[in-house]
Amino acid sequence: MIEYDDIIKDSPFLVNHLISLSKTHDFYINKEIKNNTDILPSQYYMLLFLYYEMGTTQSDIAKACLMDRSGVSRAFKDFEDKGLIIRETDENNKRAYKITLTKKGIETSEFLIKKELEWDNMICNELNMNREDLLKLLSKISLKSLEFNREKF
């Protein structure tokens, strides 16, 4: 029987390796989310976006997370019920809300960031490579991919 490890080792395409990395990362982080937080895995990126962009609007978060505004609104209702965020009317636009994290929201975000760094360091240690060098390489690959697509499509 063919094993998943063999498929990855024998793959001639970058994308297969990137997908594998993404899927195994998701498995790791989703387990941490389910076991140690009040959020759902689908809410993960919204929470971290809020952590780094405190005071942003629901519309901005929807755009950044590639979601519709109603989906973000439902997630934020859940966040609010769990004491993770505070929604305040934007003084410049009375129809919009500015979102900030509560102490619990900040603590949850920082826990998840710590888990992300553990994941990164585990991968880097196995590669005998420092995190900054790996990030530079991955950034270069990602930017080249974007550049290629912009030029060709």
Protein backbone atom coordinates (compact mmCIF):
# COMPACT_ATOMS: atom_id res chain seq x y z
CA MET A 1 0.00 0.00 0.00
CA ILE A 2 1.32 3.44 -0.92
CA GLU A 3 1.87 5.77 2.01
CA TYR A 4 1.23 9.51 2.11
CA ASP A 5 4.91 10.10 2.96
CA ASP A 6 5.93 8.35 -0.28
CA ILE A 7 3.59 10.50 -2.34
CA ILE A 8 5.14 13.65 -0.88
CA LYS A 9 8.74 12.41 -1.24
CA ASP A 10 8.16 11.50 -4.88
CA SER A 11 6.18 14.58 -5.88
CA PRO A 12 7.83 16.64 -8.62
CA PHE A 13 5.68 19.73 -7.92
CA LEU A 14 6.19 22.53 -5.40
CA VAL A 15 2.49 22.93 -4.86
CA ASN A 16 2.09 19.40 -3.47
CA HIS A 17 4.66 20.15 -0.81
CA LEU A 18 3.05 23.48 0.02
CA ILE A 19 -0.38 21.87 0.29
CA SER A 20 1.02 19.19 2.58
CA LEU A 21 2.64 21.84 4.76
CA SER A 22 -0.60 23.80 4.90
CA LYS A 23 -2.73 20.76 5.73
CA THR A 24 -0.43 19.49 8.47
CA HIS A 25 -0.22 23.00 9.92
CA ASP A 26 -4.02 23.25 9.92
CA PHE A 27 -4.29 19.90 11.70
CA TYR A 28 -1.86 21.12 14.39
CA ILE A 29 -3.39 24.57 14.92
CA ASN A 30 -7.00 23.31 14.75
CA LYS A 31 -6.25 20.80 17.51
CA GLU A 32 -4.89 23.64 19.68
CA ILE A 33 -7.92 25.81 18.89
CA LYS A 34 -10.40 23.06 19.74
CA ASN A 35 -8.63 21.99 22.95
CA ASN A 36 -7.59 25.36 24.36
CA THR A 37 -9.80 28.20 23.10
CA ASP A 38 -13.43 29.30 22.80
CA ILE A 39 -13.20 29.95 19.06
CA LEU A 40 -13.86 27.78 16.04
CA PRO A 41 -11.07 26.96 13.56
CA SER A 42 -12.96 28.98 10.93
CA GLN A 43 -12.69 32.06 13.18
CA TYR A 44 -8.93 31.79 13.69
CA TYR A 45 -7.79 34.22 11.00
CA MET A 46 -10.39 36.82 11.97
CA LEU A 47 -9.18 36.78 15.56
CA LEU A 48 -5.52 37.14 14.61
CA PHE A 49 -6.35 39.87 12.11
CA LEU A 50 -8.06 41.76 14.93
CA TYR A 51 -5.04 41.27 17.15
CA TYR A 52 -2.77 42.93 14.60
CA GLU A 53 -5.32 45.50 13.36
CA MET A 54 -7.12 46.49 16.56
CA GLY A 55 -9.96 48.95 15.97
CA THR A 56 -10.58 47.93 12.38
CA THR A 57 -14.09 47.64 10.92
CA GLN A 58 -16.08 44.50 10.12
CA SER A 59 -15.94 45.38 6.40
CA ASP A 60 -12.14 45.55 6.47
CA ILE A 61 -11.97 42.21 8.24
CA ALA A 62 -14.34 40.63 5.73
CA LYS A 63 -12.13 41.82 2.85
CA ALA A 64 -8.91 40.72 4.51
CA CYS A 65 -10.27 37.26 5.40
CA LEU A 66 -12.04 36.78 2.04
CA MET A 67 -15.42 36.45 3.72
CA ASP A 68 -18.80 38.09 3.27
CA ARG A 69 -19.84 40.69 5.82
CA SER A 70 -22.74 38.60 7.11
CA GLY A 71 -20.37 35.71 7.93
CA VAL A 72 -18.07 38.08 9.79
CA SER A 73 -21.04 39.58 11.59
CA ARG A 74 -22.18 36.13 12.79
CA ALA A 75 -18.65 35.28 13.95
CA PHE A 76 -18.41 38.57 15.81
CA LYS A 77 -21.72 37.99 17.53
CA ASP A 78 -20.21 34.71 18.76
CA PHE A 79 -16.97 36.52 19.77
CA GLU A 80 -19.00 39.12 21.64
CA ASP A 81 -21.04 36.44 23.45
CA LYS A 82 -17.80 34.74 24.52
CA GLY A 83 -16.27 37.99 25.77
CA LEU A 84 -13.52 38.16 23.12
CA ILE A 85 -14.38 41.49 21.46
CA ILE A 86 -16.08 44.82 21.94
CA ARG A 87 -17.98 46.40 19.03
CA GLU A 88 -18.34 50.17 19.09
CA THR A 89 -20.02 52.39 16.54
CA ASP A 90 -17.47 54.15 14.31
CA GLU A 91 -17.76 57.88 14.95
CA ASN A 92 -16.96 58.57 11.26
CA ASN A 93 -19.59 56.13 9.96
CA LYS A 94 -22.55 55.43 12.23
CA ARG A 95 -23.43 52.28 10.23
CA ALA A 96 -20.01 50.68 10.86
CA TYR A 97 -18.51 49.11 13.95
CA LYS A 98 -14.93 49.35 15.15
CA ILE A 99 -13.82 46.11 16.72
CA THR A 100 -11.34 45.74 19.57
CA LEU A 101 -10.27 42.69 21.52
CA THR A 102 -10.99 42.30 25.21
CA LYS A 103 -8.36 41.05 27.63
CA LYS A 104 -9.64 37.50 26.98
CA GLY A 105 -9.44 38.09 23.21
CA ILE A 106 -5.86 39.31 23.51
CA GLU A 107 -4.88 36.35 25.69
CA THR A 108 -6.46 33.91 23.22
CA SER A 109 -4.64 35.57 20.32
CA GLU A 110 -1.31 35.52 22.14
CA PHE A 111 -1.78 31.84 22.99
CA LEU A 112 -2.37 31.07 19.30
CA ILE A 113 0.62 33.16 18.23
CA LYS A 114 2.75 31.20 20.69
CA LYS A 115 1.49 27.97 19.09
CA GLU A 116 2.30 29.33 15.63
CA LEU A 117 5.86 30.08 16.71
CA GLU A 118 6.17 26.58 18.21
CA TRP A 119 5.07 25.13 14.85
CA ASP A 120 7.52 27.34 12.94
CA ASN A 121 10.38 26.46 15.25
CA MET A 122 9.62 22.75 15.09
CA ILE A 123 9.79 22.87 11.28
CA CYS A 124 12.94 25.02 11.28
CA ASN A 125 14.70 22.80 13.81
CA GLU A 126 14.04 19.77 11.62
CA LEU A 127 15.52 21.63 8.65
CA ASN A 128 18.50 22.97 10.60
CA MET A 129 17.51 26.38 9.32
CA ASN A 130 16.70 29.54 11.22
CA ARG A 131 13.19 30.89 11.01
CA GLU A 132 14.19 34.22 9.44
CA ASP A 133 16.01 32.53 6.53
CA LEU A 134 13.09 30.20 5.88
CA LEU A 135 10.64 33.13 5.96
CA LYS A 136 12.80 35.05 3.48
CA LEU A 137 12.87 32.06 1.14
CA LEU A 138 9.12 31.47 1.38
CA SER A 139 8.44 35.17 0.93
CA LYS A 140 10.59 35.22 -2.19
CA ILE A 141 8.76 32.19 -3.60
CA SER A 142 5.35 33.70 -2.82
CA LEU A 143 6.21 37.09 -4.33
CA LYS A 144 7.61 35.45 -7.47
CA SER A 145 4.40 33.45 -7.78
CA LEU A 146 2.31 36.64 -7.50
CA GLU A 147 4.54 38.42 -10.01
CA PHE A 148 4.25 35.50 -12.43
CA ASN A 149 0.46 35.50 -12.21
CA ARG A 150 0.22 39.29 -12.65
CA GLU A 151 2.40 39.16 -15.75
CA LYS A 152 0.64 36.17 -17.33
CA PHE A 153 -2.98 36.60 -16.33
